[in-house]
N, C-alpha and C. Protein backbone atom coordinates (compact mmCIF):
# COMPACT_ATOMS: atom_id res chain seq x y z
N MET A 1 -20.47 -53.59 11.45
CA MET A 1 -19.34 -53.71 10.56
C MET A 1 -18.76 -52.31 10.37
N THR A 2 -17.46 -52.20 10.52
CA THR A 2 -16.80 -50.90 10.33
C THR A 2 -16.64 -50.62 8.84
N ALA A 3 -16.28 -49.39 8.53
CA ALA A 3 -16.07 -49.01 7.14
C ALA A 3 -14.93 -49.83 6.53
N ASP A 4 -13.87 -50.05 7.28
CA ASP A 4 -12.75 -50.85 6.78
C ASP A 4 -13.16 -52.30 6.53
N GLU A 5 -13.96 -52.86 7.43
CA GLU A 5 -14.44 -54.23 7.26
C GLU A 5 -15.36 -54.33 6.04
N ALA A 6 -16.21 -53.33 5.86
CA ALA A 6 -17.11 -53.32 4.71
C ALA A 6 -16.31 -53.23 3.41
N ARG A 7 -15.30 -52.37 3.39
CA ARG A 7 -14.46 -52.23 2.21
C ARG A 7 -13.74 -53.53 1.92
N GLU A 8 -13.20 -54.18 2.93
CA GLU A 8 -12.50 -55.44 2.74
C GLU A 8 -13.45 -56.52 2.22
N TRP A 9 -14.66 -56.58 2.80
CA TRP A 9 -15.65 -57.55 2.33
C TRP A 9 -15.98 -57.30 0.87
N PHE A 10 -16.22 -56.04 0.52
CA PHE A 10 -16.57 -55.69 -0.85
C PHE A 10 -15.45 -56.05 -1.82
N GLU A 11 -14.23 -55.68 -1.50
CA GLU A 11 -13.09 -55.98 -2.37
C GLU A 11 -12.89 -57.49 -2.54
N THR A 12 -13.07 -58.24 -1.47
CA THR A 12 -12.96 -59.70 -1.53
C THR A 12 -14.03 -60.28 -2.43
N ARG A 13 -15.26 -59.82 -2.25
CA ARG A 13 -16.37 -60.33 -3.06
C ARG A 13 -16.18 -59.98 -4.53
N MET A 14 -15.73 -58.77 -4.81
CA MET A 14 -15.52 -58.38 -6.21
C MET A 14 -14.41 -59.22 -6.84
N ALA A 15 -13.37 -59.52 -6.10
CA ALA A 15 -12.30 -60.38 -6.61
C ALA A 15 -12.85 -61.77 -6.92
N GLU A 16 -13.73 -62.28 -6.06
CA GLU A 16 -14.35 -63.59 -6.30
C GLU A 16 -15.20 -63.56 -7.56
N VAL A 17 -15.98 -62.51 -7.73
CA VAL A 17 -16.85 -62.39 -8.91
C VAL A 17 -16.01 -62.33 -10.18
N ARG A 18 -14.93 -61.53 -10.15
CA ARG A 18 -14.06 -61.44 -11.32
C ARG A 18 -13.40 -62.79 -11.63
N ALA A 19 -12.98 -63.50 -10.60
CA ALA A 19 -12.36 -64.82 -10.81
C ALA A 19 -13.36 -65.80 -11.41
N GLU A 20 -14.59 -65.77 -10.94
CA GLU A 20 -15.63 -66.65 -11.48
C GLU A 20 -15.90 -66.33 -12.95
N ALA A 21 -15.95 -65.05 -13.27
CA ALA A 21 -16.20 -64.64 -14.65
C ALA A 21 -15.05 -65.07 -15.56
N ARG A 22 -13.79 -64.87 -15.10
CA ARG A 22 -12.64 -65.28 -15.89
C ARG A 22 -12.63 -66.79 -16.10
N ALA A 23 -12.99 -67.54 -15.08
CA ALA A 23 -12.99 -69.00 -15.19
C ALA A 23 -14.02 -69.48 -16.22
N ALA A 24 -15.11 -68.75 -16.37
CA ALA A 24 -16.18 -69.13 -17.30
C ALA A 24 -15.87 -68.71 -18.74
N MET A 25 -14.95 -67.79 -18.94
CA MET A 25 -14.70 -67.24 -20.28
C MET A 25 -14.26 -68.25 -21.32
N PRO A 26 -13.32 -69.15 -21.03
CA PRO A 26 -12.91 -70.10 -22.07
C PRO A 26 -14.08 -70.91 -22.64
N ALA A 27 -14.97 -71.36 -21.79
CA ALA A 27 -16.12 -72.14 -22.28
C ALA A 27 -17.06 -71.26 -23.10
N ARG A 28 -17.25 -70.03 -22.67
CA ARG A 28 -18.14 -69.13 -23.41
C ARG A 28 -17.56 -68.82 -24.79
N VAL A 29 -16.26 -68.61 -24.85
CA VAL A 29 -15.61 -68.33 -26.13
C VAL A 29 -15.63 -69.58 -27.01
N ALA A 30 -15.36 -70.73 -26.44
CA ALA A 30 -15.36 -71.99 -27.20
C ALA A 30 -16.73 -72.29 -27.79
N ALA A 31 -17.78 -71.80 -27.16
CA ALA A 31 -19.14 -72.05 -27.65
C ALA A 31 -19.47 -71.21 -28.89
N LEU A 32 -18.66 -70.20 -29.17
CA LEU A 32 -18.89 -69.38 -30.36
C LEU A 32 -18.39 -70.10 -31.60
N ASP A 33 -19.07 -69.88 -32.72
CA ASP A 33 -18.56 -70.45 -33.96
C ASP A 33 -17.34 -69.64 -34.40
N ASP A 34 -16.53 -70.20 -35.27
CA ASP A 34 -15.28 -69.55 -35.69
C ASP A 34 -15.51 -68.18 -36.30
N GLU A 35 -16.56 -68.04 -37.10
CA GLU A 35 -16.84 -66.76 -37.75
C GLU A 35 -17.14 -65.66 -36.73
N THR A 36 -17.92 -65.98 -35.71
CA THR A 36 -18.24 -65.00 -34.67
C THR A 36 -17.02 -64.67 -33.85
N ARG A 37 -16.26 -65.68 -33.46
CA ARG A 37 -15.06 -65.46 -32.66
C ARG A 37 -14.07 -64.59 -33.42
N LEU A 38 -13.88 -64.87 -34.72
CA LEU A 38 -12.98 -64.07 -35.55
C LEU A 38 -13.48 -62.63 -35.65
N ALA A 39 -14.77 -62.44 -35.85
CA ALA A 39 -15.34 -61.09 -35.96
C ALA A 39 -15.10 -60.29 -34.68
N VAL A 40 -15.24 -60.91 -33.54
CA VAL A 40 -15.03 -60.22 -32.26
C VAL A 40 -13.56 -59.81 -32.12
N VAL A 41 -12.65 -60.71 -32.46
CA VAL A 41 -11.22 -60.40 -32.33
C VAL A 41 -10.83 -59.30 -33.31
N VAL A 42 -11.29 -59.37 -34.55
CA VAL A 42 -10.99 -58.33 -35.53
C VAL A 42 -11.52 -56.98 -35.05
N TRP A 43 -12.75 -56.97 -34.56
CA TRP A 43 -13.36 -55.73 -34.04
C TRP A 43 -12.53 -55.15 -32.90
N ALA A 44 -12.09 -56.00 -31.98
CA ALA A 44 -11.29 -55.53 -30.85
C ALA A 44 -9.93 -55.01 -31.31
N TYR A 45 -9.27 -55.72 -32.23
CA TYR A 45 -7.98 -55.27 -32.74
C TYR A 45 -8.10 -53.94 -33.47
N GLU A 46 -9.16 -53.80 -34.27
CA GLU A 46 -9.35 -52.55 -34.99
C GLU A 46 -9.57 -51.39 -34.03
N ALA A 47 -10.33 -51.63 -32.97
CA ALA A 47 -10.56 -50.58 -31.96
C ALA A 47 -9.26 -50.22 -31.27
N LEU A 48 -8.45 -51.23 -30.93
CA LEU A 48 -7.16 -50.99 -30.29
C LEU A 48 -6.24 -50.21 -31.23
N GLN A 49 -6.17 -50.62 -32.48
CA GLN A 49 -5.32 -49.94 -33.46
C GLN A 49 -5.73 -48.48 -33.63
N LYS A 50 -7.01 -48.21 -33.75
CA LYS A 50 -7.50 -46.83 -33.90
C LYS A 50 -7.18 -46.02 -32.65
N ASN A 51 -7.35 -46.63 -31.49
CA ASN A 51 -7.07 -45.93 -30.24
C ASN A 51 -5.60 -45.55 -30.15
N ILE A 52 -4.73 -46.47 -30.53
CA ILE A 52 -3.30 -46.21 -30.50
C ILE A 52 -2.95 -45.12 -31.52
N ALA A 53 -3.48 -45.23 -32.74
CA ALA A 53 -3.17 -44.26 -33.80
C ALA A 53 -3.58 -42.85 -33.40
N GLU A 54 -4.66 -42.74 -32.64
CA GLU A 54 -5.17 -41.42 -32.24
C GLU A 54 -4.72 -41.02 -30.84
N GLY A 55 -3.87 -41.82 -30.21
CA GLY A 55 -3.33 -41.47 -28.89
C GLY A 55 -4.35 -41.56 -27.76
N GLY A 56 -5.30 -42.48 -27.88
CA GLY A 56 -6.34 -42.61 -26.86
C GLY A 56 -5.88 -43.33 -25.61
N THR A 57 -6.51 -43.01 -24.50
CA THR A 57 -6.22 -43.69 -23.24
C THR A 57 -6.90 -45.04 -23.21
N PHE A 58 -6.47 -45.87 -22.28
CA PHE A 58 -7.11 -47.17 -22.09
C PHE A 58 -8.58 -46.98 -21.71
N ARG A 59 -8.86 -46.02 -20.86
CA ARG A 59 -10.24 -45.74 -20.45
C ARG A 59 -11.10 -45.38 -21.67
N PHE A 60 -10.57 -44.56 -22.57
CA PHE A 60 -11.30 -44.19 -23.78
C PHE A 60 -11.55 -45.42 -24.64
N LEU A 61 -10.55 -46.29 -24.75
CA LEU A 61 -10.70 -47.53 -25.51
C LEU A 61 -11.86 -48.36 -24.96
N VAL A 62 -11.88 -48.57 -23.67
CA VAL A 62 -12.89 -49.43 -23.04
C VAL A 62 -14.29 -48.86 -23.20
N TYR A 63 -14.45 -47.59 -22.86
CA TYR A 63 -15.80 -47.01 -22.79
C TYR A 63 -16.29 -46.44 -24.11
N ASN A 64 -15.41 -45.84 -24.89
CA ASN A 64 -15.86 -45.18 -26.11
C ASN A 64 -15.71 -46.04 -27.35
N ARG A 65 -14.55 -46.62 -27.52
CA ARG A 65 -14.34 -47.41 -28.74
C ARG A 65 -14.99 -48.80 -28.66
N LEU A 66 -14.88 -49.44 -27.49
CA LEU A 66 -15.47 -50.77 -27.35
C LEU A 66 -16.90 -50.71 -26.81
N GLY A 67 -17.29 -49.58 -26.24
CA GLY A 67 -18.67 -49.37 -25.82
C GLY A 67 -19.10 -50.08 -24.55
N PHE A 68 -18.15 -50.42 -23.69
CA PHE A 68 -18.49 -51.12 -22.47
C PHE A 68 -18.92 -50.17 -21.36
N GLU A 69 -19.53 -50.74 -20.33
CA GLU A 69 -19.90 -50.02 -19.12
C GLU A 69 -18.75 -50.17 -18.12
N GLY A 70 -18.91 -49.57 -16.94
CA GLY A 70 -17.86 -49.55 -15.93
C GLY A 70 -17.33 -50.90 -15.50
N SER A 71 -18.16 -51.93 -15.50
CA SER A 71 -17.73 -53.23 -14.99
C SER A 71 -16.70 -53.92 -15.89
N ALA A 72 -16.52 -53.44 -17.10
CA ALA A 72 -15.58 -54.07 -18.02
C ALA A 72 -14.14 -53.62 -17.81
N TYR A 73 -13.96 -52.49 -17.15
CA TYR A 73 -12.61 -51.91 -17.01
C TYR A 73 -11.65 -52.89 -16.33
N ALA A 74 -12.03 -53.41 -15.17
CA ALA A 74 -11.12 -54.27 -14.40
C ALA A 74 -10.75 -55.55 -15.15
N PRO A 75 -11.70 -56.31 -15.70
CA PRO A 75 -11.28 -57.53 -16.39
C PRO A 75 -10.42 -57.26 -17.63
N LEU A 76 -10.71 -56.18 -18.34
CA LEU A 76 -9.89 -55.85 -19.51
C LEU A 76 -8.50 -55.39 -19.10
N TYR A 77 -8.42 -54.66 -18.00
CA TYR A 77 -7.13 -54.24 -17.45
C TYR A 77 -6.33 -55.47 -17.02
N GLU A 78 -6.96 -56.37 -16.28
CA GLU A 78 -6.29 -57.57 -15.78
C GLU A 78 -5.85 -58.50 -16.91
N ALA A 79 -6.55 -58.44 -18.02
CA ALA A 79 -6.20 -59.27 -19.18
C ALA A 79 -5.05 -58.67 -19.99
N GLY A 80 -4.57 -57.50 -19.60
CA GLY A 80 -3.44 -56.88 -20.29
C GLY A 80 -3.81 -55.78 -21.26
N GLY A 81 -5.05 -55.34 -21.24
CA GLY A 81 -5.50 -54.31 -22.17
C GLY A 81 -4.74 -53.00 -22.06
N MET A 82 -4.50 -52.56 -20.84
CA MET A 82 -3.77 -51.30 -20.68
C MET A 82 -2.33 -51.46 -21.16
N ALA A 83 -1.72 -52.59 -20.87
CA ALA A 83 -0.34 -52.82 -21.31
C ALA A 83 -0.25 -52.80 -22.83
N LEU A 84 -1.19 -53.43 -23.51
CA LEU A 84 -1.20 -53.42 -24.96
C LEU A 84 -1.38 -52.01 -25.51
N ASN A 85 -2.33 -51.28 -24.94
CA ASN A 85 -2.57 -49.91 -25.37
C ASN A 85 -1.32 -49.05 -25.16
N ASP A 86 -0.73 -49.17 -23.98
CA ASP A 86 0.46 -48.36 -23.66
C ASP A 86 1.66 -48.73 -24.54
N MET A 87 1.83 -50.03 -24.82
CA MET A 87 2.93 -50.45 -25.71
C MET A 87 2.76 -49.83 -27.09
N GLY A 88 1.55 -49.82 -27.56
CA GLY A 88 1.29 -49.21 -28.87
C GLY A 88 1.55 -47.73 -28.88
N LEU A 89 1.20 -47.06 -27.81
CA LEU A 89 1.43 -45.62 -27.73
C LEU A 89 2.91 -45.28 -27.66
N GLN A 90 3.71 -46.19 -27.10
CA GLN A 90 5.15 -45.95 -26.95
C GLN A 90 5.94 -46.31 -28.22
N ALA A 91 5.31 -47.06 -29.10
CA ALA A 91 6.02 -47.52 -30.32
C ALA A 91 6.29 -46.38 -31.28
C-alpha cells in the first residue's frame, strides 16, 4: 500500500467512525434524564460564553474549557462549534 493509499484508507475509516458516532448520539442523549441533559447544555453554554468573553479560540474551548482530548475536535467542529465561537467573537 502506498502512502497515498494508506492516507485515503485512514481518512475514509475516520469518516465512517465519525458518522457512526454521530448516528448514535440522539439515542445516547435521549437516554439521559432531563436534569442531566440540562446540566450538560448549561455547562457547554457557560464554557462557550466564557471563551467568547475572553477571546478564546475554538481549540482552547475544546481542550481547555471543555476538557476534551484530541478526538473531540472534529465532531465538535462538524457540529458547528467553531462557527458559534467565531460568531460570538465577531459580535
